[in-house]
Amino acid sequence: MGCIGWTLPLVWVGFASYSLRSTIRTRSARRRTAAPVSTAVASTVRRPHPLPSCAVATDPPADLILTPLKGEGRTVEEWLTVFHLVSVVVDPYTNESAWVLDVAARILREFSDAAVRVNWIVTADADDARAFLGPLASELLTFTDPDRTAVKALGLERLPAFVFVLMDGTVAAAAEGWDPLAWRKVADTIATAVKWSRPVIPEPGDPHAFEGSPALL
């Protein structure tokens, strides 16, 4: 498997500007009551460059419930009945997830017609998920995970994360944080499994590698 702050769910369009340093100090407290962070604001903050960590994702239990924005929740086993799952897991209360939103959407679109079910898993309720993703919430299947149950079940330690779950319920590949080479390895695994073209990762203008934010509070 490939290796690889600010707490307001990043609203798709925003105008406020905050100090990243001060918000990192108060992340834990502010996450309890905050609204999504603006991607417009996040894009003005300098992207960090620490080395990402290795992803060691675990197979989710078959009875794990994934609840979409529209419709009733179903178990992972039910979601995997026809297609593999290709998930990008994001934390809308951090800059790190906002920085990769456009890149992740591009990658998911590349696989949208393949034999996979591309999706977002957002660690927020429905309102904050919509605020963070904007039009992307309607374009692509979106699961809400406000209690981070799915994050825990997948054994994720850093977000954003890119996870490929096969129809048999096993995690075939995963990357945590943002490391273009690690995400490319996950994408290559997906493309090989479903005989699909490989997306270009990275593309010019994509963020530099960074470790990501803690997946659990």
C-alpha atoms as a PDB file:
ATOM      1  CA  MET A   1       0.000   0.000   0.000  1.00  0.00           C
ATOM      2  CA  GLY A   2       1.425   3.404  -0.880  1.00  0.00           C
ATOM      3  CA  CYS A   3       2.852   5.834   1.642  1.00  0.00           C
ATOM      4  CA  ILE A   4       2.177   8.573   1.916  1.00  0.00           C
ATOM      5  CA  GLY A   5      -6.230  23.764  10.961  1.00  0.00           C
ATOM      6  CA  TRP A   6      -8.453  25.715  11.283  1.00  0.00           C
ATOM      7  CA  THR A   7     -11.674  24.342  12.160  1.00  0.00           C
ATOM      8  CA  LEU A   8     -14.538  25.950  10.323  1.00  0.00           C
ATOM      9  CA  PRO A   9     -16.063  23.568   7.635  1.00  0.00           C
ATOM     10  CA  LEU A  10     -14.593  25.284   4.603  1.00  0.00           C
ATOM     11  CA  VAL A  11     -17.560  26.959   2.926  1.00  0.00           C
ATOM     12  CA  TRP A  12     -17.317  26.663  -0.852  1.00  0.00           C
ATOM     13  CA  VAL A  13     -17.413  30.449  -1.280  1.00  0.00           C
ATOM     14  CA  GLY A  14     -16.271  32.667   1.564  1.00  0.00           C
ATOM     15  CA  PHE A  15     -14.733  35.986   2.409  1.00  0.00           C
ATOM     16  CA  ALA A  16     -13.330  35.904   5.966  1.00  0.00           C
ATOM     17  CA  SER A  17      -9.597  35.703   6.677  1.00  0.00           C
ATOM     18  CA  TYR A  18      -8.138  34.130   9.793  1.00  0.00           C
ATOM     19  CA  SER A  19      -4.741  33.418  11.271  1.00  0.00           C
ATOM     20  CA  LEU A  20      -3.791  29.789  10.696  1.00  0.00           C
ATOM     21  CA  ARG A  21      -1.435  29.855  13.652  1.00  0.00           C
ATOM     22  CA  SER A  22      -4.094  30.924  16.144  1.00  0.00           C
ATOM     23  CA  THR A  23      -6.709  28.558  14.761  1.00  0.00           C
ATOM     24  CA  ILE A  24      -4.360  25.582  15.041  1.00  0.00           C
ATOM     25  CA  ARG A  25      -4.013  26.350  18.751  1.00  0.00           C
ATOM     26  CA  THR A  26      -7.787  26.343  19.188  1.00  0.00           C
ATOM     27  CA  ARG A  27      -8.739  23.565  16.741  1.00  0.00           C
ATOM     28  CA  SER A  28     -10.122  21.137  19.295  1.00  0.00           C
ATOM     29  CA  ALA A  29     -12.301  23.688  21.051  1.00  0.00           C
ATOM     30  CA  ARG A  30     -13.631  25.405  17.930  1.00  0.00           C
ATOM     31  CA  ARG A  31     -14.504  22.225  16.036  1.00  0.00           C
ATOM     32  CA  ARG A  32     -17.322  21.641  18.487  1.00  0.00           C
ATOM     33  CA  THR A  33     -19.265  24.728  17.381  1.00  0.00           C
ATOM     34  CA  ALA A  34     -17.739  25.867  14.072  1.00  0.00           C
ATOM     35  CA  ALA A  35     -19.152  26.197  10.559  1.00  0.00           C
ATOM     36  CA  PRO A  36     -17.382  25.009   7.362  1.00  0.00           C
ATOM     37  CA  VAL A  37     -14.102  26.724   6.384  1.00  0.00           C
ATOM     38  CA  SER A  38     -14.057  28.678   3.157  1.00  0.00           C
ATOM     39  CA  THR A  39     -12.005  27.187   0.325  1.00  0.00           C
ATOM     40  CA  ALA A  40     -11.501  30.715  -0.955  1.00  0.00           C
ATOM     41  CA  VAL A  41      -9.889  31.682   2.342  1.00  0.00           C
ATOM     42  CA  ALA A  42      -7.932  28.451   2.618  1.00  0.00           C
ATOM     43  CA  SER A  43      -6.382  28.989  -0.795  1.00  0.00           C
ATOM     44  CA  THR A  44      -4.670  32.132   0.503  1.00  0.00           C
ATOM     45  CA  VAL A  45      -2.863  30.261   3.287  1.00  0.00           C
ATOM     46  CA  ARG A  46       0.595  28.939   2.456  1.00  0.00           C
ATOM     47  CA  ARG A  47       0.589  25.171   1.965  1.00  0.00           C
ATOM     48  CA  PRO A  48       2.930  23.225   4.251  1.00  0.00           C
ATOM     49  CA  HIS A  49       5.457  20.727   2.937  1.00  0.00           C
ATOM     50  CA  PRO A  50       6.091  18.067   5.631  1.00  0.00           C
ATOM     51  CA  LEU A  51       6.574  14.483   4.514  1.00  0.00           C
ATOM     52  CA  PRO A  52       3.311  12.525   4.508  1.00  0.00           C
ATOM     53  CA  SER A  53       2.991   9.348   6.561  1.00  0.00           C
ATOM     54  CA  CYS A  54       2.331   5.804   5.348  1.00  0.00           C
ATOM     55  CA  ALA A  55      -1.325   4.806   5.131  1.00  0.00           C
ATOM     56  CA  VAL A  56      -2.341   1.620   6.945  1.00  0.00           C
ATOM     57  CA  ALA A  57      -6.076   1.554   6.324  1.00  0.00           C
ATOM     58  CA  THR A  58      -8.131  -1.358   7.636  1.00  0.00           C
ATOM     59  CA  ASP A  59     -11.009  -3.258   6.028  1.00  0.00           C
ATOM     60  CA  PRO A  60     -14.342  -1.751   7.101  1.00  0.00           C
ATOM     61  CA  PRO A  61     -16.887  -4.046   8.793  1.00  0.00           C
ATOM     62  CA  ALA A  62     -19.601  -5.259   6.426  1.00  0.00           C
ATOM     63  CA  ASP A  63     -22.307  -3.810   8.684  1.00  0.00           C
ATOM     64  CA  LEU A  64     -20.835  -0.297   8.768  1.00  0.00           C
ATOM     65  CA  ILE A  65     -23.624   2.122   7.801  1.00  0.00           C
ATOM     66  CA  LEU A  66     -22.834   4.787   5.200  1.00  0.00           C
ATOM     67  CA  THR A  67     -25.513   7.474   4.976  1.00  0.00           C
ATOM     68  CA  PRO A  68     -25.776   9.636   1.834  1.00  0.00           C
ATOM     69  CA  LEU A  69     -27.060  13.185   1.714  1.00  0.00           C
ATOM     70  CA  LYS A  70     -30.084  11.885  -0.155  1.00  0.00           C
ATOM     71  CA  GLY A  71     -31.691   8.614   0.799  1.00  0.00           C
ATOM     72  CA  GLU A  72     -31.357   6.150   3.621  1.00  0.00           C
ATOM     73  CA  GLY A  73     -28.169   4.716   5.008  1.00  0.00           C
ATOM     74  CA  ARG A  74     -27.042   1.288   3.856  1.00  0.00           C
ATOM     75  CA  THR A  75     -24.331  -1.069   4.988  1.00  0.00           C
ATOM     76  CA  VAL A  76     -20.954  -1.212   3.297  1.00  0.00           C
ATOM     77  CA  GLU A  77     -21.865  -4.706   2.135  1.00  0.00           C
ATOM     78  CA  GLU A  78     -24.946  -3.309   0.367  1.00  0.00           C
ATOM     79  CA  TRP A  79     -23.031  -0.421  -1.204  1.00  0.00           C
ATOM     80  CA  LEU A  80     -20.514  -2.942  -2.532  1.00  0.00           C
ATOM     81  CA  THR A  81     -23.106  -5.233  -4.112  1.00  0.00           C
ATOM     82  CA  VAL A  82     -22.486  -3.999  -7.672  1.00  0.00           C
ATOM     83  CA  PHE A  83     -19.455  -1.693  -7.572  1.00  0.00           C
ATOM     84  CA  HIS A  84     -16.190  -1.156  -5.729  1.00  0.00           C
ATOM     85  CA  LEU A  85     -16.021   1.980  -3.560  1.00  0.00           C
ATOM     86  CA  VAL A  86     -13.610   4.800  -4.357  1.00  0.00           C
ATOM     87  CA  SER A  87     -13.759   7.292  -1.496  1.00  0.00           C
ATOM     88  CA  VAL A  88     -12.124  10.601  -0.726  1.00  0.00           C
ATOM     89  CA  VAL A  89     -12.454  11.273   2.991  1.00  0.00           C
ATOM     90  CA  VAL A  90     -12.359  14.940   3.967  1.00  0.00           C
ATOM     91  CA  ASP A  91     -12.590  16.991   7.133  1.00  0.00           C
ATOM     92  CA  PRO A  92     -14.485  20.207   6.342  1.00  0.00           C
ATOM     93  CA  TYR A  93     -13.121  21.899   9.459  1.00  0.00           C
ATOM     94  CA  THR A  94      -9.523  22.013   8.180  1.00  0.00           C
ATOM     95  CA  ASN A  95      -7.546  23.807   5.518  1.00  0.00           C
ATOM     96  CA  GLU A  96      -5.817  20.579   4.537  1.00  0.00           C
ATOM     97  CA  SER A  97      -8.971  19.026   3.097  1.00  0.00           C
ATOM     98  CA  ALA A  98      -9.914  22.257   1.342  1.00  0.00           C
ATOM     99  CA  TRP A  99      -6.534  22.432  -0.385  1.00  0.00           C
ATOM    100  CA  VAL A 100      -7.132  19.131  -2.206  1.00  0.00           C
ATOM    101  CA  LEU A 101     -10.839  19.531  -2.930  1.00  0.00           C
ATOM    102  CA  ASP A 102     -10.434  20.469  -6.593  1.00  0.00           C
ATOM    103  CA  VAL A 103      -7.758  17.821  -7.152  1.00  0.00           C
ATOM    104  CA  ALA A 104      -9.843  15.123  -5.483  1.00  0.00           C
ATOM    105  CA  ALA A 105     -12.928  16.088  -7.481  1.00  0.00           C
ATOM    106  CA  ARG A 106     -10.920  15.842 -10.702  1.00  0.00           C
ATOM    107  CA  ILE A 107      -9.698  12.354  -9.783  1.00  0.00           C
ATOM    108  CA  LEU A 108     -13.163  11.143  -8.790  1.00  0.00           C
ATOM    109  CA  ARG A 109     -14.600  12.438 -12.068  1.00  0.00           C
ATOM    110  CA  GLU A 110     -11.977  10.444 -13.961  1.00  0.00           C
ATOM    111  CA  PHE A 111     -13.428   7.260 -12.464  1.00  0.00           C
ATOM    112  CA  SER A 112     -17.096   8.264 -12.443  1.00  0.00           C
ATOM    113  CA  ASP A 113     -17.954   6.107 -15.473  1.00  0.00           C
ATOM    114  CA  ALA A 114     -15.841   3.136 -14.394  1.00  0.00           C
ATOM    115  CA  ALA A 115     -17.123   0.099 -12.495  1.00  0.00           C
ATOM    116  CA  VAL A 116     -16.725   1.880  -9.164  1.00  0.00           C
ATOM    117  CA  ARG A 117     -18.916   4.015  -6.923  1.00  0.00           C
ATOM    118  CA  VAL A 118     -16.980   7.256  -6.442  1.00  0.00           C
ATOM    119  CA  ASN A 119     -17.897   9.213  -3.338  1.00  0.00           C
ATOM    120  CA  TRP A 120     -17.008  11.714  -0.668  1.00  0.00           C
ATOM    121  CA  ILE A 121     -17.025  10.820   3.006  1.00  0.00           C
ATOM    122  CA  VAL A 122     -17.351  14.081   4.930  1.00  0.00           C
ATOM    123  CA  THR A 123     -16.762  14.218   8.673  1.00  0.00           C
ATOM    124  CA  ALA A 124     -19.729  16.504   9.273  1.00  0.00           C
ATOM    125  CA  ASP A 125     -23.496  16.620   9.238  1.00  0.00           C
ATOM    126  CA  ALA A 126     -25.462  17.181   6.039  1.00  0.00           C
ATOM    127  CA  ASP A 127     -25.572  20.978   6.315  1.00  0.00           C
ATOM    128  CA  ASP A 128     -21.837  21.379   6.850  1.00  0.00           C
ATOM    129  CA  ALA A 129     -21.069  18.818   4.156  1.00  0.00           C
ATOM    130  CA  ARG A 130     -23.091  20.817   1.643  1.00  0.00           C
ATOM    131  CA  ALA A 131     -21.506  24.074   2.801  1.00  0.00           C
ATOM    132  CA  PHE A 132     -18.024  22.623   2.332  1.00  0.00           C
ATOM    133  CA  LEU A 133     -18.521  20.830  -0.977  1.00  0.00           C
ATOM    134  CA  GLY A 134     -20.849  23.305  -2.636  1.00  0.00           C
ATOM    135  CA  PRO A 135     -21.954  21.999  -6.071  1.00  0.00           C
ATOM    136  CA  LEU A 136     -19.731  18.932  -5.623  1.00  0.00           C
ATOM    137  CA  ALA A 137     -22.179  17.584  -3.057  1.00  0.00           C
ATOM    138  CA  SER A 138     -24.800  17.239  -5.796  1.00  0.00           C
ATOM    139  CA  GLU A 139     -22.410  16.141  -8.520  1.00  0.00           C
ATOM    140  CA  LEU A 140     -20.958  13.163  -6.652  1.00  0.00           C
ATOM    141  CA  LEU A 141     -22.308  10.712  -4.092  1.00  0.00           C
ATOM    142  CA  THR A 142     -21.665  12.155  -0.645  1.00  0.00           C
ATOM    143  CA  PHE A 143     -21.729  10.309   2.670  1.00  0.00           C
ATOM    144  CA  THR A 144     -21.832  12.136   5.999  1.00  0.00           C
ATOM    145  CA  ASP A 145     -19.773  10.871   8.919  1.00  0.00           C
ATOM    146  CA  PRO A 146     -20.292  13.393  11.742  1.00  0.00           C
ATOM    147  CA  ASP A 147     -19.203  10.959  14.462  1.00  0.00           C
ATOM    148  CA  ARG A 148     -16.238   9.771  12.343  1.00  0.00           C
ATOM    149  CA  THR A 149     -17.505   6.205  12.591  1.00  0.00           C
ATOM    150  CA  ALA A 150     -16.362   5.415   9.055  1.00  0.00           C
ATOM    151  CA  VAL A 151     -13.014   7.110   9.658  1.00  0.00           C
ATOM    152  CA  LYS A 152     -12.439   4.918  12.712  1.00  0.00           C
ATOM    153  CA  ALA A 153     -13.624   1.785  10.915  1.00  0.00           C
ATOM    154  CA  LEU A 154     -11.148   2.426   8.093  1.00  0.00           C
ATOM    155  CA  GLY A 155      -8.332   3.009  10.577  1.00  0.00           C
ATOM    156  CA  LEU A 156      -7.446   6.389   9.104  1.00  0.00           C
ATOM    157  CA  GLU A 157      -5.031   8.649  10.972  1.00  0.00           C
ATOM    158  CA  ARG A 158      -4.698  11.665   8.647  1.00  0.00           C
ATOM    159  CA  LEU A 159      -7.117  13.503   6.357  1.00  0.00           C
ATOM    160  CA  PRO A 160      -7.727  13.966   3.520  1.00  0.00           C
ATOM    161  CA  ALA A 161      -7.540  10.310   2.530  1.00  0.00           C
ATOM    162  CA  PHE A 162      -8.044   8.375  -0.696  1.00  0.00           C
ATOM    163  CA  VAL A 163      -9.386   4.848  -0.187  1.00  0.00           C
ATOM    164  CA  PHE A 164     -10.213   2.016  -2.596  1.00  0.00           C
ATOM    165  CA  VAL A 165     -12.455  -0.738  -1.203  1.00  0.00           C
ATOM    166  CA  LEU A 166     -13.046  -3.821  -3.337  1.00  0.00           C
ATOM    167  CA  MET A 167     -16.419  -5.542  -3.660  1.00  0.00           C
ATOM    168  CA  ASP A 168     -15.224  -8.231  -1.244  1.00  0.00           C
ATOM    169  CA  GLY A 169     -14.876  -5.544   1.440  1.00  0.00           C
ATOM    170  CA  THR A 170     -11.089  -5.374   1.531  1.00  0.00           C
ATOM    171  CA  VAL A 171      -9.076  -2.173   1.229  1.00  0.00           C
ATOM    172  CA  ALA A 172      -6.953  -2.600  -1.895  1.00  0.00           C
ATOM    173  CA  ALA A 173      -5.129   0.730  -1.595  1.00  0.00           C
ATOM    174  CA  ALA A 174      -5.160   3.913   0.465  1.00  0.00           C
ATOM    175  CA  ALA A 175      -3.276   7.173   0.866  1.00  0.00           C
ATOM    176  CA  GLU A 176      -3.488   9.595   3.788  1.00  0.00           C
ATOM    177  CA  GLY A 177      -2.665  13.271   3.697  1.00  0.00           C
ATOM    178  CA  TRP A 178      -1.725  14.623   0.296  1.00  0.00           C
ATOM    179  CA  ASP A 179       1.212  12.985  -1.446  1.00  0.00           C
ATOM    180  CA  PRO A 180       0.697  13.057  -5.227  1.00  0.00           C
ATOM    181  CA  LEU A 181       2.793   9.921  -5.759  1.00  0.00           C
ATOM    182  CA  ALA A 182       0.840   7.981  -3.133  1.00  0.00           C
ATOM    183  CA  TRP A 183      -2.497   9.108  -4.561  1.00  0.00           C
ATOM    184  CA  ARG A 184      -1.218   8.128  -8.011  1.00  0.00           C
ATOM    185  CA  LYS A 185      -0.490   4.615  -6.710  1.00  0.00           C
ATOM    186  CA  VAL A 186      -4.046   4.324  -5.404  1.00  0.00           C
ATOM    187  CA  ALA A 187      -5.402   5.590  -8.727  1.00  0.00           C
ATOM    188  CA  ASP A 188      -3.221   3.094 -10.607  1.00  0.00           C
ATOM    189  CA  THR A 189      -4.573   0.263  -8.435  1.00  0.00           C
ATOM    190  CA  ILE A 190      -8.128   1.349  -9.227  1.00  0.00           C
ATOM    191  CA  ALA A 191      -7.419   1.680 -12.953  1.00  0.00           C
ATOM    192  CA  THR A 192      -5.833  -1.775 -13.073  1.00  0.00           C
ATOM    193  CA  ALA A 193      -8.707  -3.381 -11.171  1.00  0.00           C
ATOM    194  CA  VAL A 194     -11.431  -1.958 -13.423  1.00  0.00           C
ATOM    195  CA  LYS A 195      -9.395  -1.675 -16.646  1.00  0.00           C
ATOM    196  CA  TRP A 196      -9.746   2.109 -16.806  1.00  0.00           C
ATOM    197  CA  SER A 197      -7.496   4.956 -17.882  1.00  0.00           C
ATOM    198  CA  ARG A 198      -5.189   6.456 -15.266  1.00  0.00           C
ATOM    199  CA  PRO A 199      -5.693  10.080 -14.203  1.00  0.00           C
ATOM    200  CA  VAL A 200      -2.690  12.396 -14.328  1.00  0.00           C
ATOM    201  CA  ILE A 201      -1.444  12.970 -10.779  1.00  0.00           C
ATOM    202  CA  PRO A 202      -0.130  15.524 -10.138  1.00  0.00           C
ATOM    203  CA  GLU A 203      -1.101  18.152 -12.653  1.00  0.00           C
ATOM    204  CA  PRO A 204       0.512  21.605 -12.838  1.00  0.00           C
ATOM    205  CA  GLY A 205      -0.857  23.790 -10.055  1.00  0.00           C
ATOM    206  CA  ASP A 206      -1.702  20.926  -7.712  1.00  0.00           C
ATOM    207  CA  PRO A 207      -0.674  21.452  -4.051  1.00  0.00           C
ATOM    208  CA  HIS A 208       2.699  20.393  -2.708  1.00  0.00           C
ATOM    209  CA  ALA A 209       2.731  17.291  -0.524  1.00  0.00           C
ATOM    210  CA  PHE A 210       1.637  17.709   3.087  1.00  0.00           C
ATOM    211  CA  GLU A 211       0.890  15.378   5.965  1.00  0.00           C
ATOM    212  CA  GLY A 212      -2.749  16.227   6.491  1.00  0.00           C
ATOM    213  CA  SER A 213      -4.736  16.901   9.636  1.00  0.00           C
ATOM    214  CA  PRO A 214      -5.470  14.387  12.420  1.00  0.00           C
ATOM    215  CA  ALA A 215      -8.381  12.162  11.444  1.00  0.00           C
ATOM    216  CA  LEU A 216      -9.679  11.818  14.991  1.00  0.00           C
ATOM    217  CA  LEU A 217     -10.214  14.562  17.543  1.00  0.00           C
END
